């Protein structure tokens, strides 16, 4: 998945936007990502992808 790929189709949020929020704000939970980006707040289909990004960036959460 590239940074430009949409991770949250409901809110039209890219993987790169989520990665940047995690890195810049030192986010450690799906809920923090949701609060910061609104990704995963509508249908929830991308929550697993968000969790996976958190693990990749922060190590096992």
N, C-alpha and C. Protein backbone atom coordinates (compact mmCIF):
# COMPACT_ATOMS: atom_id res chain seq x y z
N UNK A 1 0.85 -1.18 0.00
CA UNK A 1 0.00 0.00 0.00
C UNK A 1 0.89 1.24 0.00
N UNK A 2 0.61 2.16 -0.90
CA UNK A 2 1.37 3.41 -1.02
C UNK A 2 0.77 4.48 -0.11
N UNK A 3 1.56 5.50 0.18
CA UNK A 3 1.09 6.60 1.02
C UNK A 3 -0.14 7.30 0.45
N UNK A 4 -0.28 7.27 -0.88
CA UNK A 4 -1.39 7.96 -1.53
C UNK A 4 -2.67 7.14 -1.54
N UNK A 5 -2.58 5.86 -1.19
CA UNK A 5 -3.75 4.99 -1.20
C UNK A 5 -4.71 5.39 -0.09
N UNK A 6 -6.00 5.33 -0.41
CA UNK A 6 -7.04 5.66 0.56
C UNK A 6 -7.15 4.51 1.57
N UNK A 7 -7.01 4.84 2.84
CA UNK A 7 -7.16 3.85 3.89
C UNK A 7 -8.58 3.91 4.46
N UNK A 8 -9.17 5.09 4.47
CA UNK A 8 -10.54 5.28 4.97
C UNK A 8 -11.37 5.89 3.85
N UNK A 9 -12.16 5.04 3.20
CA UNK A 9 -12.94 5.52 2.06
C UNK A 9 -14.10 6.40 2.48
N UNK A 10 -14.62 6.21 3.68
CA UNK A 10 -15.74 7.04 4.15
C UNK A 10 -15.33 8.51 4.30
N UNK A 11 -14.12 8.72 4.82
CA UNK A 11 -13.64 10.07 5.08
C UNK A 11 -12.57 10.52 4.08
N UNK A 12 -12.26 9.66 3.09
CA UNK A 12 -11.29 9.97 2.04
C UNK A 12 -9.92 10.33 2.63
N UNK A 13 -9.44 9.48 3.53
CA UNK A 13 -8.17 9.71 4.21
C UNK A 13 -7.14 8.70 3.72
N UNK A 14 -5.95 9.21 3.40
CA UNK A 14 -4.90 8.35 2.84
C UNK A 14 -4.06 7.70 3.93
N UNK A 15 -3.35 6.66 3.52
CA UNK A 15 -2.42 5.98 4.42
C UNK A 15 -1.39 6.98 4.92
N UNK A 16 -0.89 7.84 4.03
CA UNK A 16 0.12 8.83 4.41
C UNK A 16 -0.38 9.80 5.46
N UNK A 17 -1.64 10.21 5.37
CA UNK A 17 -2.20 11.11 6.37
C UNK A 17 -2.24 10.45 7.74
N UNK A 18 -2.61 9.17 7.77
CA UNK A 18 -2.65 8.44 9.03
C UNK A 18 -1.24 8.26 9.57
N UNK A 19 -0.30 7.87 8.71
CA UNK A 19 1.10 7.70 9.14
C UNK A 19 1.65 9.00 9.70
N UNK A 20 1.40 10.11 9.01
CA UNK A 20 1.91 11.40 9.47
C UNK A 20 1.33 11.77 10.83
N UNK A 21 0.04 11.52 11.03
CA UNK A 21 -0.58 11.83 12.32
C UNK A 21 0.04 10.98 13.43
N UNK A 22 0.23 9.69 13.16
CA UNK A 22 0.83 8.80 14.16
C UNK A 22 2.23 9.29 14.53
N UNK A 23 3.03 9.60 13.52
CA UNK A 23 4.41 10.03 13.76
C UNK A 23 4.50 11.41 14.42
N UNK A 24 3.76 12.36 13.91
CA UNK A 24 3.87 13.74 14.40
C UNK A 24 3.27 13.93 15.78
N UNK A 25 2.17 13.23 16.05
CA UNK A 25 1.46 13.41 17.32
C UNK A 25 1.78 12.30 18.32
N UNK A 26 2.65 11.35 17.91
CA UNK A 26 3.03 10.23 18.79
C UNK A 26 1.80 9.44 19.26
N UNK A 27 0.90 9.16 18.32
CA UNK A 27 -0.33 8.44 18.64
C UNK A 27 -0.04 6.97 18.88
N UNK A 28 -0.77 6.38 19.81
CA UNK A 28 -0.52 4.99 20.17
C UNK A 28 -1.78 4.12 20.16
N UNK A 29 -2.94 4.70 19.86
CA UNK A 29 -4.17 3.90 19.86
C UNK A 29 -5.04 4.26 18.66
N UNK A 30 -5.90 3.33 18.31
CA UNK A 30 -6.85 3.57 17.21
C UNK A 30 -7.72 4.77 17.55
N UNK A 31 -8.13 4.88 18.80
CA UNK A 31 -8.99 5.98 19.23
C UNK A 31 -8.31 7.33 19.04
N UNK A 32 -7.01 7.39 19.34
CA UNK A 32 -6.27 8.64 19.13
C UNK A 32 -6.21 8.99 17.65
N UNK A 33 -6.00 7.99 16.80
CA UNK A 33 -5.97 8.22 15.35
C UNK A 33 -7.35 8.70 14.89
N UNK A 34 -8.40 8.10 15.41
CA UNK A 34 -9.75 8.52 15.04
C UNK A 34 -10.00 9.97 15.45
N UNK A 35 -9.59 10.34 16.65
CA UNK A 35 -9.78 11.72 17.12
C UNK A 35 -8.99 12.71 16.27
N UNK A 36 -7.80 12.33 15.87
CA UNK A 36 -6.91 13.24 15.14
C UNK A 36 -7.28 13.35 13.66
N UNK A 37 -7.67 12.22 13.04
CA UNK A 37 -7.86 12.21 11.58
C UNK A 37 -9.29 11.96 11.13
N UNK A 38 -10.14 11.45 12.02
CA UNK A 38 -11.51 11.02 11.74
C UNK A 38 -11.56 9.72 10.95
N UNK A 39 -10.41 9.12 10.64
CA UNK A 39 -10.38 7.82 9.96
C UNK A 39 -10.97 6.77 10.90
N UNK A 40 -11.81 5.91 10.38
CA UNK A 40 -12.38 4.83 11.17
C UNK A 40 -13.56 5.23 12.03
N UNK A 41 -14.10 6.43 11.80
CA UNK A 41 -15.18 6.91 12.66
C UNK A 41 -16.57 6.72 12.05
N UNK A 42 -16.65 6.27 10.80
CA UNK A 42 -17.96 6.11 10.18
C UNK A 42 -18.36 4.64 10.17
N UNK A 43 -17.81 3.85 9.27
CA UNK A 43 -18.22 2.44 9.19
C UNK A 43 -17.29 1.51 9.96
N UNK A 44 -16.05 1.95 10.20
CA UNK A 44 -15.11 1.14 10.97
C UNK A 44 -14.36 0.09 10.17
N UNK A 45 -14.58 0.01 8.87
CA UNK A 45 -13.92 -1.02 8.06
C UNK A 45 -12.41 -0.87 8.03
N UNK A 46 -11.89 0.31 8.27
CA UNK A 46 -10.45 0.55 8.18
C UNK A 46 -9.75 0.44 9.54
N UNK A 47 -10.49 0.15 10.59
CA UNK A 47 -9.89 0.11 11.94
C UNK A 47 -8.75 -0.91 12.01
N UNK A 48 -8.91 -2.07 11.38
CA UNK A 48 -7.83 -3.06 11.38
C UNK A 48 -6.59 -2.53 10.68
N UNK A 49 -6.78 -1.78 9.58
CA UNK A 49 -5.65 -1.19 8.86
C UNK A 49 -4.96 -0.13 9.72
N UNK A 50 -5.74 0.65 10.43
CA UNK A 50 -5.17 1.66 11.33
C UNK A 50 -4.35 0.98 12.42
N UNK A 51 -4.90 -0.07 13.00
CA UNK A 51 -4.19 -0.81 14.05
C UNK A 51 -2.88 -1.37 13.51
N UNK A 52 -2.92 -1.89 12.29
CA UNK A 52 -1.71 -2.44 11.67
C UNK A 52 -0.66 -1.36 11.47
N UNK A 53 -1.06 -0.18 11.05
CA UNK A 53 -0.12 0.93 10.90
C UNK A 53 0.48 1.33 12.24
N UNK A 54 -0.34 1.35 13.28
CA UNK A 54 0.17 1.66 14.62
C UNK A 54 1.24 0.65 15.03
N UNK A 55 0.99 -0.63 14.76
CA UNK A 55 1.98 -1.66 15.10
C UNK A 55 3.26 -1.49 14.30
N UNK A 56 3.13 -1.19 13.00
CA UNK A 56 4.30 -1.04 12.14
C UNK A 56 5.14 0.16 12.58
N UNK A 57 4.50 1.25 12.95
CA UNK A 57 5.21 2.47 13.29
C UNK A 57 5.74 2.43 14.72
N UNK A 58 4.93 1.95 15.65
CA UNK A 58 5.27 2.00 17.07
C UNK A 58 5.78 0.69 17.62
N UNK A 59 5.81 -0.36 16.81
CA UNK A 59 6.10 -1.68 17.35
C UNK A 59 4.80 -2.25 17.90
N UNK A 60 4.85 -3.41 18.47
CA UNK A 60 3.62 -4.03 19.00
C UNK A 60 2.98 -3.10 20.01
N UNK A 61 1.69 -2.85 19.82
CA UNK A 61 0.94 -1.93 20.68
C UNK A 61 0.24 -2.71 21.77
